[in-house]
Amino acid sequence: MNSRKWVRLFLTTLLLGGVLTLVTSFIFKQNSYAEVLQPFQLFELVGLLLFFSGLGFIFSVISQMGFFAYLTVNQFGKGLFRSFWPALQLFLIAFTLFDLVYFRYQASEEGSIGGFLLTALGILVISLVVATVKAKETKRHAFIPALFFMVVVTTVEWVPALRAQGSDYIWMMIIPLLACNAYQLLLLHRLTNNQENAA
């Protein structure tokens, strides 16, 4: 893949992250917008829009770093573990989903385990859909690597928000992360014109 295609992937993913974070900020940061709209403060509103767009750009860059790191790890895993690599990925997927539920519930001071179960289930369902599309567009062996990337790598990228206080940034980060990761994964084989590219 030439540099022009890499730049296209970078810029479109950057834009996707910025726009999605800005849109989700209208939902999860309503109070921040209410403060600058009543009374109307133009410069503060512009500053708020720039802040959330910039935050989205950061989320996008984190997503892209994770994507390129995974491409390296996937090749390394294939060479080191050979036929055991798919099984190891499945184990790590299961452990990550368990971690998203059990350890987050243990660390929380309030709330029920149901919320954590729904979060993990939501990530799994989205990941299964993306992995299925990837496998159909390339080859069936791409399913497990794609699922691993969407579940495990996305969760690792999400860690900074999980450690933050409050749930607003948790949701504002996971939505663009999932979208950017899915976008990169499904665009890669199109940019390389390689239908056999597994991820």
N, C-alpha and C. Protein backbone atom coordinates (compact mmCIF):
# COMPACT_ATOMS: atom_id res chain seq x y z
N MET A 1 0.85 -1.18 0.00
CA MET A 1 0.00 0.00 0.00
C MET A 1 0.89 1.24 0.00
N ASN A 2 0.60 2.19 -0.90
CA ASN A 2 1.44 3.38 -1.01
C ASN A 2 1.09 4.42 0.05
N SER A 3 1.93 5.45 0.13
CA SER A 3 1.78 6.46 1.17
C SER A 3 0.48 7.25 1.03
N ARG A 4 0.02 7.45 -0.20
CA ARG A 4 -1.23 8.19 -0.41
C ARG A 4 -2.40 7.46 0.24
N LYS A 5 -2.42 6.15 0.15
CA LYS A 5 -3.50 5.37 0.76
C LYS A 5 -3.39 5.39 2.28
N TRP A 6 -2.16 5.36 2.81
CA TRP A 6 -1.99 5.45 4.26
C TRP A 6 -2.48 6.80 4.78
N VAL A 7 -2.17 7.85 4.04
CA VAL A 7 -2.62 9.18 4.44
C VAL A 7 -4.15 9.25 4.39
N ARG A 8 -4.74 8.67 3.37
CA ARG A 8 -6.20 8.64 3.27
C ARG A 8 -6.81 7.91 4.47
N LEU A 9 -6.24 6.76 4.81
CA LEU A 9 -6.74 6.00 5.96
C LEU A 9 -6.61 6.81 7.25
N PHE A 10 -5.46 7.45 7.41
CA PHE A 10 -5.23 8.25 8.62
C PHE A 10 -6.22 9.41 8.72
N LEU A 11 -6.37 10.17 7.64
CA LEU A 11 -7.21 11.37 7.69
C LEU A 11 -8.69 11.04 7.83
N THR A 12 -9.16 10.02 7.11
CA THR A 12 -10.58 9.67 7.21
C THR A 12 -10.91 9.09 8.59
N THR A 13 -9.98 8.32 9.15
CA THR A 13 -10.20 7.78 10.50
C THR A 13 -10.17 8.90 11.52
N LEU A 14 -9.27 9.86 11.31
CA LEU A 14 -9.18 11.02 12.20
C LEU A 14 -10.49 11.81 12.19
N LEU A 15 -11.01 12.03 10.99
CA LEU A 15 -12.27 12.77 10.85
C LEU A 15 -13.43 12.02 11.50
N LEU A 16 -13.46 10.71 11.30
CA LEU A 16 -14.52 9.88 11.88
C LEU A 16 -14.50 9.99 13.41
N GLY A 17 -13.31 9.88 14.00
CA GLY A 17 -13.20 9.98 15.45
C GLY A 17 -13.62 11.34 15.96
N GLY A 18 -13.21 12.41 15.27
CA GLY A 18 -13.57 13.75 15.69
C GLY A 18 -15.05 14.02 15.62
N VAL A 19 -15.68 13.62 14.52
CA VAL A 19 -17.12 13.86 14.33
C VAL A 19 -17.95 13.05 15.33
N LEU A 20 -17.61 11.77 15.50
CA LEU A 20 -18.39 10.93 16.42
C LEU A 20 -18.27 11.39 17.86
N THR A 21 -17.08 11.80 18.27
CA THR A 21 -16.92 12.29 19.64
C THR A 21 -17.69 13.58 19.85
N LEU A 22 -17.67 14.45 18.84
CA LEU A 22 -18.42 15.69 18.93
C LEU A 22 -19.92 15.41 19.05
N VAL A 23 -20.42 14.49 18.24
CA VAL A 23 -21.84 14.14 18.28
C VAL A 23 -22.21 13.52 19.64
N THR A 24 -21.38 12.60 20.13
CA THR A 24 -21.69 11.97 21.43
C THR A 24 -21.58 12.96 22.58
N SER A 25 -20.77 14.01 22.40
CA SER A 25 -20.66 15.02 23.46
C SER A 25 -21.99 15.76 23.65
N PHE A 26 -22.78 15.90 22.58
CA PHE A 26 -24.09 16.54 22.70
C PHE A 26 -25.02 15.73 23.61
N ILE A 27 -24.78 14.41 23.68
CA ILE A 27 -25.61 13.54 24.50
C ILE A 27 -25.09 13.46 25.93
N PHE A 28 -23.79 13.20 26.06
CA PHE A 28 -23.23 12.93 27.37
C PHE A 28 -22.70 14.17 28.10
N LYS A 29 -22.58 15.28 27.40
CA LYS A 29 -22.10 16.52 28.02
C LYS A 29 -23.11 17.66 27.82
N GLN A 30 -24.37 17.33 27.96
CA GLN A 30 -25.42 18.34 27.77
C GLN A 30 -25.26 19.52 28.72
N ASN A 31 -24.84 19.24 29.94
CA ASN A 31 -24.69 20.31 30.92
C ASN A 31 -23.63 21.33 30.49
N SER A 32 -22.55 20.84 29.87
CA SER A 32 -21.51 21.75 29.41
C SER A 32 -22.03 22.69 28.34
N TYR A 33 -22.86 22.15 27.44
CA TYR A 33 -23.44 22.99 26.39
C TYR A 33 -24.48 23.94 26.95
N ALA A 34 -25.25 23.45 27.94
CA ALA A 34 -26.29 24.30 28.54
C ALA A 34 -25.68 25.53 29.19
N GLU A 35 -24.49 25.37 29.78
CA GLU A 35 -23.84 26.49 30.45
C GLU A 35 -23.44 27.61 29.49
N VAL A 36 -23.08 27.23 28.25
CA VAL A 36 -22.64 28.26 27.29
C VAL A 36 -23.78 28.74 26.38
N LEU A 37 -24.92 28.08 26.47
CA LEU A 37 -26.08 28.50 25.67
C LEU A 37 -27.06 29.36 26.45
N GLN A 38 -27.00 29.28 27.78
CA GLN A 38 -27.91 30.07 28.61
C GLN A 38 -27.14 30.80 29.70
N PRO A 39 -26.69 32.01 29.48
CA PRO A 39 -26.87 32.82 28.26
C PRO A 39 -25.88 32.39 27.17
N PHE A 40 -26.20 32.77 25.94
CA PHE A 40 -25.38 32.38 24.80
C PHE A 40 -24.00 33.05 24.85
N GLN A 41 -22.94 32.19 24.78
CA GLN A 41 -21.56 32.68 24.80
C GLN A 41 -20.83 32.06 23.62
N LEU A 42 -20.67 32.83 22.57
CA LEU A 42 -20.14 32.32 21.30
C LEU A 42 -18.75 31.73 21.45
N PHE A 43 -17.81 32.47 22.05
CA PHE A 43 -16.44 32.00 22.13
C PHE A 43 -16.31 30.74 22.99
N GLU A 44 -17.10 30.68 24.07
CA GLU A 44 -17.08 29.48 24.90
C GLU A 44 -17.65 28.28 24.16
N LEU A 45 -18.69 28.52 23.34
CA LEU A 45 -19.28 27.43 22.55
C LEU A 45 -18.29 26.92 21.52
N VAL A 46 -17.62 27.83 20.83
CA VAL A 46 -16.61 27.43 19.83
C VAL A 46 -15.49 26.65 20.52
N GLY A 47 -15.08 27.14 21.69
CA GLY A 47 -14.04 26.45 22.44
C GLY A 47 -14.45 25.04 22.84
N LEU A 48 -15.72 24.90 23.24
CA LEU A 48 -16.24 23.58 23.62
C LEU A 48 -16.27 22.64 22.42
N LEU A 49 -16.72 23.15 21.28
CA LEU A 49 -16.77 22.33 20.06
C LEU A 49 -15.37 21.90 19.64
N LEU A 50 -14.41 22.81 19.73
CA LEU A 50 -13.03 22.48 19.39
C LEU A 50 -12.44 21.48 20.36
N PHE A 51 -12.79 21.62 21.64
CA PHE A 51 -12.28 20.70 22.66
C PHE A 51 -12.74 19.28 22.40
N PHE A 52 -14.04 19.10 22.17
CA PHE A 52 -14.56 17.75 21.97
C PHE A 52 -14.12 17.17 20.62
N SER A 53 -13.98 18.02 19.60
CA SER A 53 -13.44 17.53 18.32
C SER A 53 -12.00 17.08 18.51
N GLY A 54 -11.21 17.89 19.22
CA GLY A 54 -9.82 17.53 19.49
C GLY A 54 -9.71 16.25 20.30
N LEU A 55 -10.61 16.09 21.26
CA LEU A 55 -10.64 14.86 22.04
C LEU A 55 -10.91 13.66 21.14
N GLY A 56 -11.81 13.85 20.18
CA GLY A 56 -12.10 12.79 19.21
C GLY A 56 -10.90 12.47 18.34
N PHE A 57 -10.13 13.49 17.97
CA PHE A 57 -8.92 13.25 17.19
C PHE A 57 -7.94 12.40 17.99
N ILE A 58 -7.85 12.67 19.29
CA ILE A 58 -6.96 11.89 20.16
C ILE A 58 -7.44 10.44 20.22
N PHE A 59 -8.75 10.24 20.39
CA PHE A 59 -9.30 8.88 20.41
C PHE A 59 -8.99 8.16 19.10
N SER A 60 -9.09 8.89 18.00
CA SER A 60 -8.81 8.31 16.69
C SER A 60 -7.35 7.88 16.57
N VAL A 61 -6.45 8.73 17.05
CA VAL A 61 -5.02 8.40 17.00
C VAL A 61 -4.73 7.17 17.87
N ILE A 62 -5.36 7.09 19.03
CA ILE A 62 -5.20 5.91 19.88
C ILE A 62 -5.67 4.66 19.14
N SER A 63 -6.81 4.79 18.45
CA SER A 63 -7.35 3.68 17.66
C SER A 63 -6.36 3.26 16.57
N GLN A 64 -5.80 4.23 15.88
CA GLN A 64 -4.87 3.92 14.80
C GLN A 64 -3.57 3.30 15.32
N MET A 65 -3.10 3.77 16.46
CA MET A 65 -1.91 3.17 17.07
C MET A 65 -2.18 1.72 17.43
N GLY A 66 -3.37 1.46 17.99
CA GLY A 66 -3.74 0.09 18.33
C GLY A 66 -3.85 -0.79 17.11
N PHE A 67 -4.37 -0.23 16.03
CA PHE A 67 -4.54 -1.00 14.79
C PHE A 67 -3.20 -1.43 14.21
N PHE A 68 -2.28 -0.48 14.10
CA PHE A 68 -0.98 -0.82 13.52
C PHE A 68 -0.16 -1.69 14.46
N ALA A 69 -0.34 -1.51 15.77
CA ALA A 69 0.33 -2.40 16.73
C ALA A 69 -0.20 -3.82 16.57
N TYR A 70 -1.52 -3.95 16.38
CA TYR A 70 -2.09 -5.28 16.22
C TYR A 70 -1.62 -5.97 14.94
N LEU A 71 -1.47 -5.22 13.86
CA LEU A 71 -0.97 -5.82 12.62
C LEU A 71 0.38 -6.47 12.86
N THR A 72 1.22 -5.81 13.66
CA THR A 72 2.54 -6.36 14.00
C THR A 72 2.40 -7.56 14.92
N VAL A 73 1.56 -7.43 15.96
CA VAL A 73 1.37 -8.53 16.92
C VAL A 73 0.78 -9.76 16.24
N ASN A 74 -0.14 -9.55 15.31
CA ASN A 74 -0.76 -10.67 14.60
C ASN A 74 0.27 -11.46 13.80
N GLN A 75 1.16 -10.74 13.10
CA GLN A 75 2.20 -11.43 12.34
C GLN A 75 3.17 -12.16 13.28
N PHE A 76 3.50 -11.50 14.38
CA PHE A 76 4.39 -12.11 15.38
C PHE A 76 3.74 -13.36 15.97
N GLY A 77 2.45 -13.28 16.28
CA GLY A 77 1.73 -14.41 16.85
C GLY A 77 1.66 -15.59 15.90
N LYS A 78 1.42 -15.30 14.63
CA LYS A 78 1.38 -16.37 13.62
C LYS A 78 2.72 -17.10 13.55
N GLY A 79 3.81 -16.32 13.61
CA GLY A 79 5.14 -16.93 13.51
C GLY A 79 5.54 -17.69 14.76
N LEU A 80 5.18 -17.17 15.93
CA LEU A 80 5.61 -17.77 17.19
C LEU A 80 4.72 -18.93 17.61
N PHE A 81 3.40 -18.74 17.56
CA PHE A 81 2.47 -19.75 18.06
C PHE A 81 1.92 -20.66 16.98
N ARG A 82 2.10 -20.26 15.72
CA ARG A 82 1.65 -21.04 14.56
C ARG A 82 0.20 -21.47 14.68
N SER A 83 -0.07 -22.76 14.74
CA SER A 83 -1.45 -23.24 14.74
C SER A 83 -2.19 -22.95 16.05
N PHE A 84 -1.44 -22.62 17.12
CA PHE A 84 -2.08 -22.32 18.40
C PHE A 84 -2.55 -20.87 18.51
N TRP A 85 -2.14 -20.03 17.55
CA TRP A 85 -2.46 -18.61 17.62
C TRP A 85 -3.97 -18.34 17.64
N PRO A 86 -4.78 -18.97 16.78
CA PRO A 86 -6.22 -18.73 16.84
C PRO A 86 -6.83 -19.12 18.19
N ALA A 87 -6.38 -20.26 18.76
CA ALA A 87 -6.91 -20.69 20.05
C ALA A 87 -6.51 -19.72 21.16
N LEU A 88 -5.28 -19.21 21.09
CA LEU A 88 -4.81 -18.24 22.07
C LEU A 88 -5.62 -16.95 21.98
N GLN A 89 -5.93 -16.54 20.75
CA GLN A 89 -6.74 -15.34 20.57
C GLN A 89 -8.14 -15.52 21.16
N LEU A 90 -8.74 -16.70 20.97
CA LEU A 90 -10.06 -16.97 21.53
C LEU A 90 -10.02 -16.92 23.06
N PHE A 91 -8.95 -17.47 23.64
CA PHE A 91 -8.80 -17.42 25.10
C PHE A 91 -8.71 -15.98 25.59
N LEU A 92 -7.92 -15.16 24.89
CA LEU A 92 -7.76 -13.76 25.29
C LEU A 92 -9.05 -12.97 25.12
N ILE A 93 -9.83 -13.32 24.09
CA ILE A 93 -11.14 -12.67 23.90
C ILE A 93 -12.04 -12.99 25.10
N ALA A 94 -12.10 -14.28 25.48
CA ALA A 94 -12.94 -14.70 26.61
C ALA A 94 -12.47 -14.04 27.90
N PHE A 95 -11.16 -13.99 28.12
CA PHE A 95 -10.62 -13.38 29.33
C PHE A 95 -10.94 -11.89 29.39
N THR A 96 -10.82 -11.21 28.25
CA THR A 96 -11.10 -9.78 28.20
C THR A 96 -12.56 -9.49 28.52
N LEU A 97 -13.46 -10.28 27.96
CA LEU A 97 -14.89 -10.09 28.23
C LEU A 97 -15.20 -10.36 29.71
N PHE A 98 -14.54 -11.39 30.26
CA PHE A 98 -14.71 -11.68 31.69
C PHE A 98 -14.19 -10.52 32.53
N ASP A 99 -13.05 -9.98 32.12
CA ASP A 99 -12.44 -8.85 32.83
C ASP A 99 -13.36 -7.63 32.79
N LEU A 100 -13.97 -7.39 31.64
CA LEU A 100 -14.88 -6.24 31.49
C LEU A 100 -16.07 -6.32 32.44
N VAL A 101 -16.45 -7.54 32.79
CA VAL A 101 -17.60 -7.70 33.68
C VAL A 101 -17.15 -7.84 35.14
N TYR A 102 -16.38 -8.88 35.42
CA TYR A 102 -16.08 -9.23 36.81
C TYR A 102 -15.19 -8.20 37.52
N PHE A 103 -14.05 -7.87 36.93
CA PHE A 103 -13.12 -6.97 37.61
C PHE A 103 -13.64 -5.54 37.70
N ARG A 104 -14.37 -5.09 36.67
CA ARG A 104 -14.97 -3.76 36.75
C ARG A 104 -16.06 -3.73 37.82
N TYR A 105 -16.80 -4.82 37.94
CA TYR A 105 -17.84 -4.88 38.97
C TYR A 105 -17.21 -4.89 40.36
N GLN A 106 -16.13 -5.64 40.52
CA GLN A 106 -15.43 -5.69 41.81
C GLN A 106 -14.85 -4.33 42.19
N ALA A 107 -14.39 -3.59 41.19
CA ALA A 107 -13.77 -2.29 41.45
C ALA A 107 -14.80 -1.18 41.69
N SER A 108 -16.03 -1.41 41.24
CA SER A 108 -17.04 -0.36 41.38
C SER A 108 -17.59 -0.35 42.81
N GLU A 109 -17.94 0.84 43.26
CA GLU A 109 -18.49 0.99 44.61
C GLU A 109 -20.01 0.95 44.60
N GLU A 110 -20.57 1.12 43.43
CA GLU A 110 -22.03 1.11 43.32
C GLU A 110 -22.43 0.56 41.97
N GLY A 111 -23.69 0.25 41.82
CA GLY A 111 -24.18 -0.27 40.55
C GLY A 111 -24.27 -1.79 40.57
N SER A 112 -25.06 -2.32 39.65
CA SER A 112 -25.24 -3.77 39.58
C SER A 112 -24.35 -4.34 38.48
N ILE A 113 -24.22 -5.65 38.53
CA ILE A 113 -23.38 -6.33 37.53
C ILE A 113 -24.05 -6.31 36.16
N GLY A 114 -25.36 -6.06 36.12
CA GLY A 114 -26.10 -6.05 34.85
C GLY A 114 -25.57 -5.03 33.87
N GLY A 115 -25.22 -3.85 34.35
CA GLY A 115 -24.68 -2.82 33.46
C GLY A 115 -23.38 -3.23 32.81
N PHE A 116 -22.53 -3.89 33.60
CA PHE A 116 -21.25 -4.35 33.06
C PHE A 116 -21.45 -5.50 32.08
N LEU A 117 -22.43 -6.36 32.37
CA LEU A 117 -22.75 -7.45 31.44
C LEU A 117 -23.25 -6.91 30.10
N LEU A 118 -24.12 -5.91 30.16
CA LEU A 118 -24.65 -5.32 28.93
C LEU A 118 -23.56 -4.64 28.11
N THR A 119 -22.63 -3.98 28.80
CA THR A 119 -21.52 -3.33 28.09
C THR A 119 -20.68 -4.35 27.35
N ALA A 120 -20.29 -5.43 28.06
CA ALA A 120 -19.48 -6.48 27.44
C ALA A 120 -20.23 -7.16 26.31
N LEU A 121 -21.51 -7.39 26.51
CA LEU A 121 -22.34 -8.02 25.47
C LEU A 121 -22.45 -7.12 24.24
N GLY A 122 -22.63 -5.82 24.47
CA GLY A 122 -22.71 -4.88 23.36
C GLY A 122 -21.44 -4.86 22.53
N ILE A 123 -20.29 -4.83 23.21
CA ILE A 123 -19.01 -4.86 22.50
C ILE A 123 -18.86 -6.16 21.73
N LEU A 124 -19.25 -7.28 22.35
CA LEU A 124 -19.15 -8.58 21.68
C LEU A 124 -20.03 -8.64 20.44
N VAL A 125 -21.27 -8.16 20.54
CA VAL A 125 -22.20 -8.22 19.40
C VAL A 125 -21.67 -7.37 18.23
N ILE A 126 -21.23 -6.16 18.53
CA ILE A 126 -20.68 -5.29 17.48
C ILE A 126 -19.44 -5.94 16.86
N SER A 127 -18.60 -6.53 17.70
CA SER A 127 -17.38 -7.18 17.21
C SER A 127 -17.70 -8.39 16.34
N LEU A 128 -18.71 -9.15 16.73
CA LEU A 128 -19.11 -10.31 15.93
C LEU A 128 -19.60 -9.88 14.55
N VAL A 129 -20.37 -8.81 14.51
CA VAL A 129 -20.88 -8.30 13.23
C VAL A 129 -19.72 -7.86 12.34
N VAL A 130 -18.80 -7.08 12.90
CA VAL A 130 -17.65 -6.59 12.11
C VAL A 130 -16.77 -7.75 11.65
N ALA A 131 -16.52 -8.72 12.54
CA ALA A 131 -15.69 -9.86 12.19
C ALA A 131 -16.35 -10.72 11.10
N THR A 132 -17.67 -10.85 11.16
CA THR A 132 -18.39 -11.61 10.14
C THR A 132 -18.29 -10.93 8.78
N VAL A 133 -18.44 -9.62 8.75
CA VAL A 133 -18.32 -8.87 7.50
C VAL A 133 -16.90 -9.01 6.95
N LYS A 134 -15.91 -8.89 7.82
CA LYS A 134 -14.51 -9.01 7.41
C LYS A 134 -14.25 -10.38 6.80
N ALA A 135 -14.76 -11.43 7.45
CA ALA A 135 -14.55 -12.79 6.96
C ALA A 135 -15.23 -13.01 5.61
N LYS A 136 -16.42 -12.43 5.44
CA LYS A 136 -17.13 -12.59 4.16
C LYS A 136 -16.42 -11.85 3.04
N GLU A 137 -15.83 -10.72 3.35
CA GLU A 137 -15.18 -9.92 2.31
C GLU A 137 -13.75 -10.37 2.01
N THR A 138 -13.17 -11.16 2.90
CA THR A 138 -11.79 -11.64 2.66
C THR A 138 -11.79 -13.16 2.64
N LYS A 139 -11.57 -13.77 3.78
CA LYS A 139 -11.60 -15.23 3.90
C LYS A 139 -12.06 -15.60 5.30
N ARG A 140 -12.54 -16.81 5.48
CA ARG A 140 -13.13 -17.20 6.76
C ARG A 140 -12.12 -17.20 7.90
N HIS A 141 -10.83 -17.40 7.58
CA HIS A 141 -9.80 -17.39 8.62
C HIS A 141 -9.59 -16.00 9.22
N ALA A 142 -10.15 -15.00 8.60
CA ALA A 142 -10.01 -13.63 9.12
C ALA A 142 -10.95 -13.36 10.28
N PHE A 143 -11.89 -14.27 10.54
CA PHE A 143 -12.90 -14.02 11.57
C PHE A 143 -12.29 -13.87 12.96
N ILE A 144 -11.47 -14.81 13.38
CA ILE A 144 -10.91 -14.77 14.74
C ILE A 144 -9.97 -13.58 14.93
N PRO A 145 -9.04 -13.31 14.00
CA PRO A 145 -8.21 -12.11 14.17
C PRO A 145 -9.02 -10.82 14.24
N ALA A 146 -10.06 -10.73 13.41
CA ALA A 146 -10.90 -9.52 13.43
C ALA A 146 -11.65 -9.40 14.75
N LEU A 147 -12.17 -10.52 15.25
CA LEU A 147 -12.87 -10.52 16.52
C LEU A 147 -11.92 -10.15 17.66
N PHE A 148 -10.71 -10.69 17.61
CA PHE A 148 -9.69 -10.38 18.62
C PHE A 148 -9.39 -8.88 18.62
N PHE A 149 -9.20 -8.34 17.44
CA PHE A 149 -8.89 -6.92 17.34
C PHE A 149 -10.02 -6.07 17.90
N MET A 150 -11.24 -6.39 17.51
CA MET A 150 -12.38 -5.58 17.93
C MET A 150 -12.66 -5.68 19.43
N VAL A 151 -12.43 -6.84 20.02
CA VAL A 151 -12.71 -7.00 21.45
C VAL A 151 -11.51 -6.63 22.31
N VAL A 152 -10.39 -7.30 22.08
CA VAL A 152 -9.23 -7.15 22.97
C VAL A 152 -8.53 -5.81 22.77
N VAL A 153 -8.20 -5.49 21.53
CA VAL A 153 -7.47 -4.25 21.28
C VAL A 153 -8.32 -3.03 21.63
N THR A 154 -9.60 -3.07 21.28
CA THR A 154 -10.48 -1.95 21.63
C THR A 154 -10.54 -1.76 23.14
N THR A 155 -10.61 -2.86 23.88
CA THR A 155 -10.66 -2.77 25.34
C THR A 155 -9.38 -2.18 25.91
N VAL A 156 -8.24 -2.60 25.37
CA VAL A 156 -6.95 -2.06 25.82
C VAL A 156 -6.90 -0.55 25.55
N GLU A 157 -7.37 -0.15 24.38
CA GLU A 157 -7.39 1.28 24.03
C GLU A 157 -8.34 2.07 24.95
N TRP A 158 -9.33 1.39 25.47
CA TRP A 158 -10.38 2.01 26.27
C TRP A 158 -9.97 2.22 27.73
N VAL A 159 -8.87 1.59 28.15
CA VAL A 159 -8.45 1.60 29.55
C VAL A 159 -8.37 3.00 30.17
N PRO A 160 -7.79 4.01 29.48
CA PRO A 160 -7.74 5.35 30.11
C PRO A 160 -9.10 5.88 30.54
N ALA A 161 -10.12 5.66 29.72
CA ALA A 161 -11.47 6.13 30.07
C ALA A 161 -12.06 5.31 31.21
N LEU A 162 -11.75 4.01 31.24
CA LEU A 162 -12.27 3.15 32.30
C LEU A 162 -11.73 3.56 33.66
N ARG A 163 -10.54 4.14 33.67
CA ARG A 163 -9.94 4.58 34.93
C ARG A 163 -10.39 5.97 35.35
N ALA A 164 -11.06 6.67 34.46
CA ALA A 164 -11.50 8.04 34.76
C ALA A 164 -12.74 8.00 35.65
N GLN A 165 -12.96 9.09 36.35
CA GLN A 165 -14.14 9.21 37.21
C GLN A 165 -15.34 9.63 36.35
N GLY A 166 -16.45 8.99 36.56
CA GLY A 166 -17.66 9.33 35.80
C GLY A 166 -17.80 8.49 34.55
N SER A 167 -19.05 8.29 34.14
CA SER A 167 -19.31 7.41 33.01
C SER A 167 -19.37 8.14 31.68
N ASP A 168 -19.42 9.49 31.69
CA ASP A 168 -19.60 10.21 30.44
C ASP A 168 -18.42 9.99 29.49
N TYR A 169 -17.19 10.08 29.99
CA TYR A 169 -16.04 9.88 29.12
C TYR A 169 -15.86 8.41 28.71
N ILE A 170 -16.36 7.51 29.55
CA ILE A 170 -16.32 6.09 29.19
C ILE A 170 -17.11 5.87 27.90
N TRP A 171 -18.31 6.43 27.83
CA TRP A 171 -19.15 6.24 26.63
C TRP A 171 -18.67 7.11 25.47
N MET A 172 -18.17 8.29 25.78
CA MET A 172 -17.68 9.16 24.72
C MET A 172 -16.45 8.59 24.04
N MET A 173 -15.71 7.71 24.73
CA MET A 173 -14.51 7.13 24.13
C MET A 173 -14.80 5.82 23.40
N ILE A 174 -15.65 4.97 23.99
CA ILE A 174 -15.86 3.64 23.39
C ILE A 174 -16.57 3.72 22.05
N ILE A 175 -17.48 4.68 21.89
CA ILE A 175 -18.22 4.78 20.64
C ILE A 175 -17.30 5.11 19.46
N PRO A 176 -16.48 6.17 19.54
CA PRO A 176 -15.55 6.42 18.43
C PRO A 176 -14.48 5.35 18.27
N LEU A 177 -14.06 4.73 19.38
CA LEU A 177 -13.06 3.67 19.27
C LEU A 177 -13.60 2.49 18.47
N LEU A 178 -14.79 2.05 18.80
CA LEU A 178 -15.39 0.93 18.06
C LEU A 178 -15.59 1.28 16.59
N ALA A 179 -16.05 2.50 16.33
CA ALA A 179 -16.29 2.92 14.95
C ALA A 179 -14.99 3.02 14.17
N CYS A 180 -13.97 3.64 14.76
CA CYS A 180 -12.68 3.80 14.08
C CYS A 180 -12.01 2.45 13.84
N ASN A 181 -12.08 1.56 14.84
CA ASN A 181 -11.47 0.24 14.68
C ASN A 181 -12.18 -0.56 13.59
N ALA A 182 -13.51 -0.52 13.59
CA ALA A 182 -14.26 -1.24 12.55
C ALA A 182 -13.96 -0.66 11.18
N TYR A 183 -13.90 0.66 11.10
CA TYR A 183 -13.63 1.33 9.83
C TYR A 183 -12.27 0.93 9.26
N GLN A 184 -11.24 0.96 10.11
CA GLN A 184 -9.90 0.60 9.64
C GLN A 184 -9.83 -0.86 9.22
N LEU A 185 -10.45 -1.72 10.01
CA LEU A 185 -10.41 -3.15 9.73
C LEU A 185 -11.08 -3.49 8.40
N LEU A 186 -12.21 -2.84 8.14
CA LEU A 186 -12.97 -3.14 6.92
C LEU A 186 -12.45 -2.39 5.70
N LEU A 187 -11.66 -1.35 5.93
CA LEU A 187 -11.11 -0.60 4.81
C LEU A 187 -9.76 -1.13 4.34
N LEU A 188 -9.04 -1.80 5.23
CA LEU A 188 -7.66 -2.21 4.93
C LEU A 188 -7.56 -3.04 3.65
N HIS A 189 -8.36 -4.09 3.53
CA HIS A 189 -8.25 -4.95 2.35
C HIS A 189 -8.72 -4.24 1.08
N ARG A 190 -9.55 -3.23 1.22
CA ARG A 190 -9.97 -2.46 0.05
C ARG A 190 -8.82 -1.56 -0.43
N LEU A 191 -8.11 -0.96 0.52
CA LEU A 191 -7.00 -0.09 0.15
C LEU A 191 -5.84 -0.86 -0.44
N THR A 192 -5.63 -2.08 0.07
CA THR A 192 -4.52 -2.89 -0.44
C THR A 192 -4.93 -3.72 -1.63
N ASN A 193 -6.24 -3.67 -1.97
CA ASN A 193 -6.77 -4.49 -3.08
C ASN A 193 -6.45 -5.97 -2.90
N ASN A 194 -6.51 -6.38 -1.62
CA ASN A 194 -6.15 -7.76 -1.30
C ASN A 194 -7.31 -8.40 -0.53
N GLN A 195 -8.12 -9.17 -1.21
CA GLN A 195 -9.26 -9.81 -0.58
C GLN A 195 -8.85 -10.93 0.37
N GLU A 196 -7.56 -11.27 0.38
CA GLU A 196 -7.09 -12.32 1.28
C GLU A 196 -6.49 -11.76 2.56
N ASN A 197 -6.51 -10.43 2.69
CA ASN A 197 -5.91 -9.80 3.87
C ASN A 197 -6.80 -10.04 5.07
N ALA A 198 -6.29 -10.75 6.06
CA ALA A 198 -7.09 -11.13 7.21
C ALA A 198 -7.16 -10.09 8.29
N ALA A 199 -6.32 -9.11 8.24
CA ALA A 199 -6.32 -7.99 9.20
C ALA A 199 -4.91 -7.56 9.46
